[in-house]
């Protein structure tokens, strides 16, 4: 396997884990939701920050292992 194929496998596993965690956690405090009539708007700002931190840590650890 090449370096890129290993990297893509790791990225895929990370996305699967994030999806599973997101399913169980649901909406975090800090996520913005509005509902007015039949129109709803949801902006997951806190979830985005948490995912960004987790991905940054994972990629930092992966880069240190090389």
N, C-alpha and C. Protein backbone atom coordinates (compact mmCIF):
# COMPACT_ATOMS: atom_id res chain seq x y z
N UNK A 1 0.83 -1.18 0.00
CA UNK A 1 0.00 0.00 0.00
C UNK A 1 0.88 1.24 0.00
N UNK A 2 0.42 2.25 -0.68
CA UNK A 2 1.16 3.50 -0.70
C UNK A 2 0.76 4.36 0.50
N UNK A 3 1.48 5.45 0.68
CA UNK A 3 1.18 6.35 1.78
C UNK A 3 -0.22 6.95 1.64
N UNK A 4 -0.59 7.29 0.40
CA UNK A 4 -1.88 7.91 0.19
C UNK A 4 -3.03 6.96 0.49
N UNK A 5 -2.87 5.70 0.15
CA UNK A 5 -3.95 4.76 0.41
C UNK A 5 -4.15 4.57 1.92
N UNK A 6 -3.06 4.52 2.67
CA UNK A 6 -3.18 4.42 4.12
C UNK A 6 -3.84 5.67 4.70
N UNK A 7 -3.48 6.82 4.17
CA UNK A 7 -4.05 8.07 4.63
C UNK A 7 -5.55 8.11 4.36
N UNK A 8 -5.97 7.69 3.16
CA UNK A 8 -7.39 7.68 2.83
C UNK A 8 -8.17 6.70 3.69
N UNK A 9 -7.57 5.57 4.04
CA UNK A 9 -8.22 4.62 4.94
C UNK A 9 -8.41 5.24 6.32
N UNK A 10 -7.38 5.91 6.82
CA UNK A 10 -7.47 6.56 8.13
C UNK A 10 -8.53 7.66 8.10
N UNK A 11 -8.55 8.46 7.04
CA UNK A 11 -9.55 9.53 6.93
C UNK A 11 -10.95 8.94 6.90
N UNK A 12 -11.14 7.84 6.18
CA UNK A 12 -12.44 7.19 6.12
C UNK A 12 -12.89 6.69 7.49
N UNK A 13 -11.97 6.09 8.22
CA UNK A 13 -12.30 5.60 9.57
C UNK A 13 -12.65 6.77 10.48
N UNK A 14 -11.92 7.87 10.36
CA UNK A 14 -12.21 9.06 11.17
C UNK A 14 -13.61 9.58 10.87
N UNK A 15 -13.97 9.65 9.59
CA UNK A 15 -15.30 10.13 9.23
C UNK A 15 -16.39 9.20 9.74
N UNK A 16 -16.16 7.91 9.71
CA UNK A 16 -17.13 6.97 10.24
C UNK A 16 -17.29 7.16 11.73
N UNK A 17 -16.18 7.32 12.45
CA UNK A 17 -16.24 7.54 13.90
C UNK A 17 -16.95 8.84 14.23
N UNK A 18 -16.67 9.89 13.48
CA UNK A 18 -17.34 11.17 13.72
C UNK A 18 -18.84 11.04 13.47
N UNK A 19 -19.22 10.32 12.44
CA UNK A 19 -20.63 10.10 12.16
C UNK A 19 -21.33 9.33 13.27
N UNK A 20 -20.67 8.31 13.77
CA UNK A 20 -21.26 7.53 14.86
C UNK A 20 -21.37 8.36 16.14
N UNK A 21 -20.33 9.12 16.45
CA UNK A 21 -20.35 9.96 17.64
C UNK A 21 -21.43 11.03 17.50
N UNK A 22 -21.53 11.64 16.33
CA UNK A 22 -22.54 12.66 16.09
C UNK A 22 -23.95 12.13 16.21
N UNK A 23 -24.15 10.88 15.85
CA UNK A 23 -25.47 10.28 15.96
C UNK A 23 -25.87 10.12 17.42
N UNK A 24 -24.92 9.74 18.25
CA UNK A 24 -25.24 9.51 19.66
C UNK A 24 -25.28 10.81 20.46
N UNK A 25 -24.42 11.77 20.11
CA UNK A 25 -24.39 13.03 20.86
C UNK A 25 -25.57 13.90 20.49
N UNK A 26 -25.84 14.02 19.21
CA UNK A 26 -26.94 14.87 18.77
C UNK A 26 -26.55 16.32 18.77
N UNK A 27 -27.43 17.16 19.27
CA UNK A 27 -27.21 18.60 19.26
C UNK A 27 -26.45 19.02 20.52
N UNK A 28 -25.36 19.74 20.34
CA UNK A 28 -24.58 20.24 21.46
C UNK A 28 -25.07 21.62 21.88
N UNK A 29 -24.82 21.99 23.15
CA UNK A 29 -25.12 23.37 23.54
C UNK A 29 -24.25 24.32 22.72
N UNK A 30 -24.80 25.37 22.21
CA UNK A 30 -24.08 26.29 21.36
C UNK A 30 -24.47 26.16 19.90
N UNK A 31 -25.16 25.10 19.55
CA UNK A 31 -25.71 24.96 18.20
C UNK A 31 -26.91 25.88 18.07
N UNK A 32 -27.02 26.54 16.95
CA UNK A 32 -28.07 27.53 16.75
C UNK A 32 -29.20 26.90 15.93
N UNK A 33 -30.42 27.01 16.46
CA UNK A 33 -31.60 26.49 15.75
C UNK A 33 -32.73 27.51 15.82
N UNK A 34 -33.35 27.73 14.68
CA UNK A 34 -34.52 28.60 14.60
C UNK A 34 -35.62 27.84 13.88
N UNK A 35 -36.84 28.00 14.36
CA UNK A 35 -37.97 27.41 13.67
C UNK A 35 -39.11 28.42 13.71
N UNK A 36 -39.56 28.79 12.53
CA UNK A 36 -40.66 29.74 12.43
C UNK A 36 -41.62 29.23 11.36
N UNK A 37 -42.77 28.82 11.79
CA UNK A 37 -43.74 28.27 10.85
C UNK A 37 -43.24 26.95 10.29
N UNK A 38 -43.21 26.88 8.97
CA UNK A 38 -42.73 25.64 8.34
C UNK A 38 -41.30 25.76 7.86
N UNK A 39 -40.57 26.79 8.31
CA UNK A 39 -39.16 26.99 7.94
C UNK A 39 -38.30 26.79 9.17
N UNK A 40 -37.28 25.95 9.04
CA UNK A 40 -36.35 25.75 10.15
C UNK A 40 -34.92 25.93 9.65
N UNK A 41 -34.06 26.44 10.54
CA UNK A 41 -32.66 26.69 10.23
C UNK A 41 -31.83 26.15 11.37
N UNK A 42 -30.82 25.36 11.05
CA UNK A 42 -29.94 24.79 12.07
C UNK A 42 -28.49 25.02 11.66
N UNK A 43 -27.71 25.67 12.52
CA UNK A 43 -26.29 25.89 12.27
C UNK A 43 -25.51 25.31 13.43
N UNK A 44 -24.84 24.16 13.22
CA UNK A 44 -24.14 23.47 14.32
C UNK A 44 -22.74 24.06 14.58
N UNK A 45 -22.68 25.26 15.14
CA UNK A 45 -21.38 25.91 15.34
C UNK A 45 -20.53 25.17 16.37
N UNK A 46 -21.10 24.77 17.48
CA UNK A 46 -20.31 24.07 18.51
C UNK A 46 -19.89 22.69 18.03
N UNK A 47 -20.76 22.01 17.32
CA UNK A 47 -20.40 20.71 16.76
C UNK A 47 -19.26 20.86 15.77
N UNK A 48 -19.28 21.91 14.97
CA UNK A 48 -18.21 22.15 14.01
C UNK A 48 -16.87 22.40 14.71
N UNK A 49 -16.92 23.14 15.81
CA UNK A 49 -15.69 23.40 16.57
C UNK A 49 -15.13 22.12 17.17
N UNK A 50 -16.00 21.29 17.74
CA UNK A 50 -15.56 20.03 18.34
C UNK A 50 -14.97 19.10 17.28
N UNK A 51 -15.62 18.99 16.13
CA UNK A 51 -15.12 18.14 15.05
C UNK A 51 -13.77 18.66 14.56
N UNK A 52 -13.62 19.96 14.46
CA UNK A 52 -12.37 20.55 14.01
C UNK A 52 -11.23 20.24 14.98
N UNK A 53 -11.49 20.35 16.26
CA UNK A 53 -10.47 20.05 17.27
C UNK A 53 -10.08 18.58 17.22
N UNK A 54 -11.06 17.71 17.12
CA UNK A 54 -10.78 16.26 17.08
C UNK A 54 -9.98 15.91 15.83
N UNK A 55 -10.37 16.44 14.68
CA UNK A 55 -9.63 16.15 13.44
C UNK A 55 -8.21 16.71 13.50
N UNK A 56 -8.05 17.89 14.07
CA UNK A 56 -6.71 18.47 14.21
C UNK A 56 -5.82 17.58 15.07
N UNK A 57 -6.37 17.08 16.17
CA UNK A 57 -5.59 16.19 17.03
C UNK A 57 -5.23 14.89 16.32
N UNK A 58 -6.18 14.33 15.61
CA UNK A 58 -5.92 13.08 14.90
C UNK A 58 -4.85 13.27 13.83
N UNK A 59 -4.95 14.34 13.04
CA UNK A 59 -3.95 14.56 12.01
C UNK A 59 -2.59 14.91 12.59
N UNK A 60 -2.56 15.56 13.74
CA UNK A 60 -1.29 15.85 14.41
C UNK A 60 -0.63 14.55 14.85
N UNK A 61 -1.43 13.65 15.44
CA UNK A 61 -0.88 12.37 15.88
C UNK A 61 -0.40 11.54 14.71
N UNK A 62 -1.18 11.51 13.62
CA UNK A 62 -0.79 10.75 12.43
C UNK A 62 0.49 11.31 11.83
N UNK A 63 0.62 12.63 11.80
CA UNK A 63 1.83 13.22 11.21
C UNK A 63 3.05 12.96 12.09
N UNK A 64 2.87 12.85 13.39
CA UNK A 64 4.00 12.57 14.29
C UNK A 64 4.45 11.11 14.18
N UNK A 65 3.57 10.22 13.73
CA UNK A 65 3.91 8.81 13.62
C UNK A 65 4.75 8.51 12.39
N UNK A 66 4.74 9.41 11.41
CA UNK A 66 5.49 9.17 10.16
C UNK A 66 6.96 9.37 10.37
